[in-house]
């Protein structure tokens, strides 16, 4: 009898709304959480909550700035930026365009090399600095082909904020 009660409790807990936040299931939109997107306009308000009635806590002033969607509520997306700042943005102000920022790593030099291929032995294309941002064109195992206008080349994936280490982009 105790085993049956235990099994029923486990089933109830696993089917509860609380349990869904622990899993890696897709969101209401059918897209995975978390995921990276970019800002779709030059001026985007980040609000304290999911609705126009909530105060604006932050204003982003850079189109194509990468942000991470960490939650959804109706037409609103809770995002987190590279500095860990969170806010709610209406989905009409977001784009599926994949972009990145080269983030600071203590062990890395301040100037990095954009390469002609996905290898440290590939020919240099250009020097780039921490904080540079651009478009992600594709990502494979450990490397992403990127565009830092006017240059295109490859950067190690671990240098980029805007893509997950396990993620592949075509």
C-alpha atoms as a PDB file:
ATOM      1  CA  UNK A   1       0.000   0.000   0.000  1.00  0.00           C
ATOM      2  CA  UNK A   2       2.844   2.408   0.819  1.00  0.00           C
ATOM      3  CA  UNK A   3       4.439   1.771  -2.599  1.00  0.00           C
ATOM      4  CA  UNK A   4       1.185   2.677  -4.369  1.00  0.00           C
ATOM      5  CA  UNK A   5       0.835   5.932  -2.375  1.00  0.00           C
ATOM      6  CA  UNK A   6       4.466   6.804  -3.113  1.00  0.00           C
ATOM      7  CA  UNK A   7       3.933   6.177  -6.844  1.00  0.00           C
ATOM      8  CA  UNK A   8       0.809   8.379  -6.864  1.00  0.00           C
ATOM      9  CA  UNK A   9       2.661  11.205  -5.086  1.00  0.00           C
ATOM     10  CA  UNK A  10       5.529  10.959  -7.576  1.00  0.00           C
ATOM     11  CA  UNK A  11       3.095  11.095 -10.516  1.00  0.00           C
ATOM     12  CA  UNK A  12       1.272  14.097  -9.049  1.00  0.00           C
ATOM     13  CA  UNK A  13       4.548  15.975  -8.449  1.00  0.00           C
ATOM     14  CA  UNK A  14       5.915  15.157 -11.907  1.00  0.00           C
ATOM     15  CA  UNK A  15       2.733  16.415 -13.578  1.00  0.00           C
ATOM     16  CA  UNK A  16       2.475  19.616 -11.532  1.00  0.00           C
ATOM     17  CA  UNK A  17       3.298  23.078 -12.945  1.00  0.00           C
ATOM     18  CA  UNK A  18       6.202  23.354 -10.497  1.00  0.00           C
ATOM     19  CA  UNK A  19       7.880  20.262 -11.940  1.00  0.00           C
ATOM     20  CA  UNK A  20       7.799  21.722 -15.462  1.00  0.00           C
ATOM     21  CA  UNK A  21      10.167  24.509 -14.394  1.00  0.00           C
ATOM     22  CA  UNK A  22      12.724  21.875 -13.390  1.00  0.00           C
ATOM     23  CA  UNK A  23      12.663  20.135 -16.764  1.00  0.00           C
ATOM     24  CA  UNK A  24      14.209  21.130 -20.056  1.00  0.00           C
ATOM     25  CA  UNK A  25      10.872  21.076 -21.888  1.00  0.00           C
ATOM     26  CA  UNK A  26       9.926  23.700 -24.420  1.00  0.00           C
ATOM     27  CA  UNK A  27       8.084  26.846 -23.367  1.00  0.00           C
ATOM     28  CA  UNK A  28       4.512  27.822 -24.228  1.00  0.00           C
ATOM     29  CA  UNK A  29       5.819  29.287 -27.508  1.00  0.00           C
ATOM     30  CA  UNK A  30       7.297  25.899 -28.401  1.00  0.00           C
ATOM     31  CA  UNK A  31      10.834  27.303 -28.250  1.00  0.00           C
ATOM     32  CA  UNK A  32      13.440  26.157 -25.736  1.00  0.00           C
ATOM     33  CA  UNK A  33      14.230  28.016 -22.526  1.00  0.00           C
ATOM     34  CA  UNK A  34      16.727  29.466 -22.097  1.00  0.00           C
ATOM     35  CA  UNK A  35      17.626  30.646 -25.619  1.00  0.00           C
ATOM     36  CA  UNK A  36      19.439  33.564 -27.212  1.00  0.00           C
ATOM     37  CA  UNK A  37      17.769  36.228 -29.366  1.00  0.00           C
ATOM     38  CA  UNK A  38      18.663  39.830 -30.176  1.00  0.00           C
ATOM     39  CA  UNK A  39      17.018  43.203 -29.780  1.00  0.00           C
ATOM     40  CA  UNK A  40      15.007  44.173 -32.837  1.00  0.00           C
ATOM     41  CA  UNK A  41      15.124  47.971 -32.487  1.00  0.00           C
ATOM     42  CA  UNK A  42      17.477  50.797 -31.515  1.00  0.00           C
ATOM     43  CA  UNK A  43      15.358  51.598 -28.439  1.00  0.00           C
ATOM     44  CA  UNK A  44      13.902  48.744 -26.386  1.00  0.00           C
ATOM     45  CA  UNK A  45      12.297  49.101 -22.960  1.00  0.00           C
ATOM     46  CA  UNK A  46      12.907  46.427 -20.335  1.00  0.00           C
ATOM     47  CA  UNK A  47      10.089  46.471 -17.793  1.00  0.00           C
ATOM     48  CA  UNK A  48       9.753  45.280 -14.204  1.00  0.00           C
ATOM     49  CA  UNK A  49       7.027  42.813 -15.213  1.00  0.00           C
ATOM     50  CA  UNK A  50       5.249  41.300 -18.211  1.00  0.00           C
ATOM     51  CA  UNK A  51       2.965  44.146 -19.282  1.00  0.00           C
ATOM     52  CA  UNK A  52       2.844  47.794 -20.315  1.00  0.00           C
ATOM     53  CA  UNK A  53       1.516  48.739 -16.861  1.00  0.00           C
ATOM     54  CA  UNK A  54       4.862  47.802 -15.276  1.00  0.00           C
ATOM     55  CA  UNK A  55       7.524  50.517 -14.962  1.00  0.00           C
ATOM     56  CA  UNK A  56      10.463  50.701 -17.349  1.00  0.00           C
ATOM     57  CA  UNK A  57      13.600  49.670 -15.456  1.00  0.00           C
ATOM     58  CA  UNK A  58      16.073  49.824 -18.319  1.00  0.00           C
ATOM     59  CA  UNK A  59      16.268  51.092 -21.904  1.00  0.00           C
ATOM     60  CA  UNK A  60      18.513  49.322 -24.398  1.00  0.00           C
ATOM     61  CA  UNK A  61      19.853  51.552 -27.168  1.00  0.00           C
ATOM     62  CA  UNK A  62      21.568  49.048 -29.469  1.00  0.00           C
ATOM     63  CA  UNK A  63      19.745  47.088 -32.165  1.00  0.00           C
ATOM     64  CA  UNK A  64      20.973  43.482 -32.519  1.00  0.00           C
ATOM     65  CA  UNK A  65      22.289  43.406 -28.937  1.00  0.00           C
ATOM     66  CA  UNK A  66      22.174  39.733 -27.822  1.00  0.00           C
ATOM     67  CA  UNK A  67      19.963  38.804 -24.866  1.00  0.00           C
ATOM     68  CA  UNK A  68      18.980  35.499 -23.307  1.00  0.00           C
ATOM     69  CA  UNK A  69      15.279  34.634 -22.977  1.00  0.00           C
ATOM     70  CA  UNK A  70      14.833  32.956 -19.598  1.00  0.00           C
ATOM     71  CA  UNK A  71      11.038  33.002 -19.192  1.00  0.00           C
ATOM     72  CA  UNK A  72       7.815  33.684 -21.086  1.00  0.00           C
ATOM     73  CA  UNK A  73       4.413  35.066 -20.158  1.00  0.00           C
ATOM     74  CA  UNK A  74       1.980  35.568 -23.037  1.00  0.00           C
ATOM     75  CA  UNK A  75       3.587  38.008 -25.498  1.00  0.00           C
ATOM     76  CA  UNK A  76       6.298  38.970 -23.013  1.00  0.00           C
ATOM     77  CA  UNK A  77       9.791  37.547 -22.636  1.00  0.00           C
ATOM     78  CA  UNK A  78      11.920  37.836 -19.541  1.00  0.00           C
ATOM     79  CA  UNK A  79      15.471  38.419 -20.707  1.00  0.00           C
ATOM     80  CA  UNK A  80      18.910  38.553 -19.174  1.00  0.00           C
ATOM     81  CA  UNK A  81      21.780  40.513 -20.718  1.00  0.00           C
ATOM     82  CA  UNK A  82      25.541  39.930 -20.618  1.00  0.00           C
ATOM     83  CA  UNK A  83      25.784  41.829 -17.315  1.00  0.00           C
ATOM     84  CA  UNK A  84      23.076  39.690 -15.677  1.00  0.00           C
ATOM     85  CA  UNK A  85      20.448  42.450 -15.770  1.00  0.00           C
ATOM     86  CA  UNK A  86      16.937  41.044 -16.185  1.00  0.00           C
ATOM     87  CA  UNK A  87      13.753  42.608 -17.509  1.00  0.00           C
ATOM     88  CA  UNK A  88      10.568  41.906 -19.453  1.00  0.00           C
ATOM     89  CA  UNK A  89      10.420  42.828 -23.152  1.00  0.00           C
ATOM     90  CA  UNK A  90       7.469  42.532 -25.531  1.00  0.00           C
ATOM     91  CA  UNK A  91       8.219  39.886 -28.167  1.00  0.00           C
ATOM     92  CA  UNK A  92       7.652  42.420 -30.984  1.00  0.00           C
ATOM     93  CA  UNK A  93      10.899  44.105 -29.890  1.00  0.00           C
ATOM     94  CA  UNK A  94      12.962  40.905 -30.214  1.00  0.00           C
ATOM     95  CA  UNK A  95      14.504  39.265 -33.246  1.00  0.00           C
ATOM     96  CA  UNK A  96      15.570  35.692 -33.929  1.00  0.00           C
ATOM     97  CA  UNK A  97      18.765  37.047 -35.477  1.00  0.00           C
ATOM     98  CA  UNK A  98      21.756  35.503 -33.706  1.00  0.00           C
ATOM     99  CA  UNK A  99      24.384  37.936 -32.536  1.00  0.00           C
ATOM    100  CA  UNK A 100      27.224  37.860 -30.019  1.00  0.00           C
ATOM    101  CA  UNK A 101      29.505  39.922 -27.827  1.00  0.00           C
ATOM    102  CA  UNK A 102      33.071  38.864 -27.131  1.00  0.00           C
ATOM    103  CA  UNK A 103      33.111  38.620 -23.361  1.00  0.00           C
ATOM    104  CA  UNK A 104      35.973  39.039 -20.946  1.00  0.00           C
ATOM    105  CA  UNK A 105      37.741  35.930 -19.749  1.00  0.00           C
ATOM    106  CA  UNK A 106      40.464  36.368 -17.137  1.00  0.00           C
ATOM    107  CA  UNK A 107      42.878  34.004 -18.869  1.00  0.00           C
ATOM    108  CA  UNK A 108      42.431  35.542 -22.323  1.00  0.00           C
ATOM    109  CA  UNK A 109      44.374  38.438 -23.882  1.00  0.00           C
ATOM    110  CA  UNK A 110      42.502  41.678 -24.573  1.00  0.00           C
ATOM    111  CA  UNK A 111      43.121  41.307 -28.335  1.00  0.00           C
ATOM    112  CA  UNK A 112      41.940  38.125 -30.040  1.00  0.00           C
ATOM    113  CA  UNK A 113      42.407  36.765 -33.544  1.00  0.00           C
ATOM    114  CA  UNK A 114      39.575  36.225 -36.017  1.00  0.00           C
ATOM    115  CA  UNK A 115      40.708  33.207 -38.052  1.00  0.00           C
ATOM    116  CA  UNK A 116      40.102  31.978 -41.593  1.00  0.00           C
ATOM    117  CA  UNK A 117      39.002  28.540 -40.395  1.00  0.00           C
ATOM    118  CA  UNK A 118      37.805  26.760 -37.243  1.00  0.00           C
ATOM    119  CA  UNK A 119      41.266  26.144 -35.797  1.00  0.00           C
ATOM    120  CA  UNK A 120      43.948  28.023 -33.878  1.00  0.00           C
ATOM    121  CA  UNK A 121      46.305  27.114 -36.724  1.00  0.00           C
ATOM    122  CA  UNK A 122      44.131  28.824 -39.379  1.00  0.00           C
ATOM    123  CA  UNK A 123      45.392  32.050 -40.955  1.00  0.00           C
ATOM    124  CA  UNK A 124      44.547  35.291 -39.108  1.00  0.00           C
ATOM    125  CA  UNK A 125      41.881  37.481 -40.703  1.00  0.00           C
ATOM    126  CA  UNK A 126      41.685  40.365 -38.215  1.00  0.00           C
ATOM    127  CA  UNK A 127      42.292  41.340 -34.621  1.00  0.00           C
ATOM    128  CA  UNK A 128      39.236  41.815 -32.412  1.00  0.00           C
ATOM    129  CA  UNK A 129      38.851  43.182 -28.906  1.00  0.00           C
ATOM    130  CA  UNK A 130      36.779  42.128 -25.931  1.00  0.00           C
ATOM    131  CA  UNK A 131      33.418  43.880 -26.171  1.00  0.00           C
ATOM    132  CA  UNK A 132      33.259  43.648 -29.975  1.00  0.00           C
ATOM    133  CA  UNK A 133      29.891  42.472 -31.263  1.00  0.00           C
ATOM    134  CA  UNK A 134      28.673  40.992 -34.518  1.00  0.00           C
ATOM    135  CA  UNK A 135      26.517  38.394 -36.231  1.00  0.00           C
ATOM    136  CA  UNK A 136      26.725  34.637 -35.839  1.00  0.00           C
ATOM    137  CA  UNK A 137      26.679  32.964 -39.243  1.00  0.00           C
ATOM    138  CA  UNK A 138      27.126  29.340 -38.141  1.00  0.00           C
ATOM    139  CA  UNK A 139      28.465  27.328 -35.209  1.00  0.00           C
ATOM    140  CA  UNK A 140      29.898  23.856 -35.025  1.00  0.00           C
ATOM    141  CA  UNK A 141      31.972  21.944 -32.526  1.00  0.00           C
ATOM    142  CA  UNK A 142      33.860  24.550 -30.506  1.00  0.00           C
ATOM    143  CA  UNK A 143      33.911  27.306 -33.177  1.00  0.00           C
ATOM    144  CA  UNK A 144      31.546  29.842 -34.754  1.00  0.00           C
ATOM    145  CA  UNK A 145      31.814  31.578 -38.103  1.00  0.00           C
ATOM    146  CA  UNK A 146      30.997  35.208 -37.439  1.00  0.00           C
ATOM    147  CA  UNK A 147      30.732  38.565 -39.131  1.00  0.00           C
ATOM    148  CA  UNK A 148      32.470  41.538 -37.564  1.00  0.00           C
ATOM    149  CA  UNK A 149      31.897  44.040 -40.361  1.00  0.00           C
ATOM    150  CA  UNK A 150      33.664  44.175 -42.722  1.00  0.00           C
ATOM    151  CA  UNK A 151      35.377  40.886 -41.783  1.00  0.00           C
ATOM    152  CA  UNK A 152      34.147  37.307 -41.632  1.00  0.00           C
ATOM    153  CA  UNK A 153      35.987  34.520 -39.898  1.00  0.00           C
ATOM    154  CA  UNK A 154      36.016  32.021 -37.064  1.00  0.00           C
ATOM    155  CA  UNK A 155      36.196  32.531 -33.290  1.00  0.00           C
ATOM    156  CA  UNK A 156      36.328  29.981 -30.514  1.00  0.00           C
ATOM    157  CA  UNK A 157      32.813  29.472 -29.152  1.00  0.00           C
ATOM    158  CA  UNK A 158      33.868  29.955 -25.518  1.00  0.00           C
ATOM    159  CA  UNK A 159      34.748  33.607 -26.281  1.00  0.00           C
ATOM    160  CA  UNK A 160      31.204  34.440 -27.432  1.00  0.00           C
ATOM    161  CA  UNK A 161      28.289  35.504 -25.279  1.00  0.00           C
ATOM    162  CA  UNK A 162      25.220  34.753 -27.390  1.00  0.00           C
ATOM    163  CA  UNK A 163      25.677  31.039 -28.105  1.00  0.00           C
ATOM    164  CA  UNK A 164      25.735  27.995 -25.854  1.00  0.00           C
ATOM    165  CA  UNK A 165      28.761  25.697 -25.817  1.00  0.00           C
ATOM    166  CA  UNK A 166      26.620  22.686 -26.884  1.00  0.00           C
ATOM    167  CA  UNK A 167      24.669  24.617 -29.561  1.00  0.00           C
ATOM    168  CA  UNK A 168      25.014  24.142 -33.313  1.00  0.00           C
ATOM    169  CA  UNK A 169      23.791  26.839 -35.719  1.00  0.00           C
ATOM    170  CA  UNK A 170      23.439  26.447 -39.491  1.00  0.00           C
END
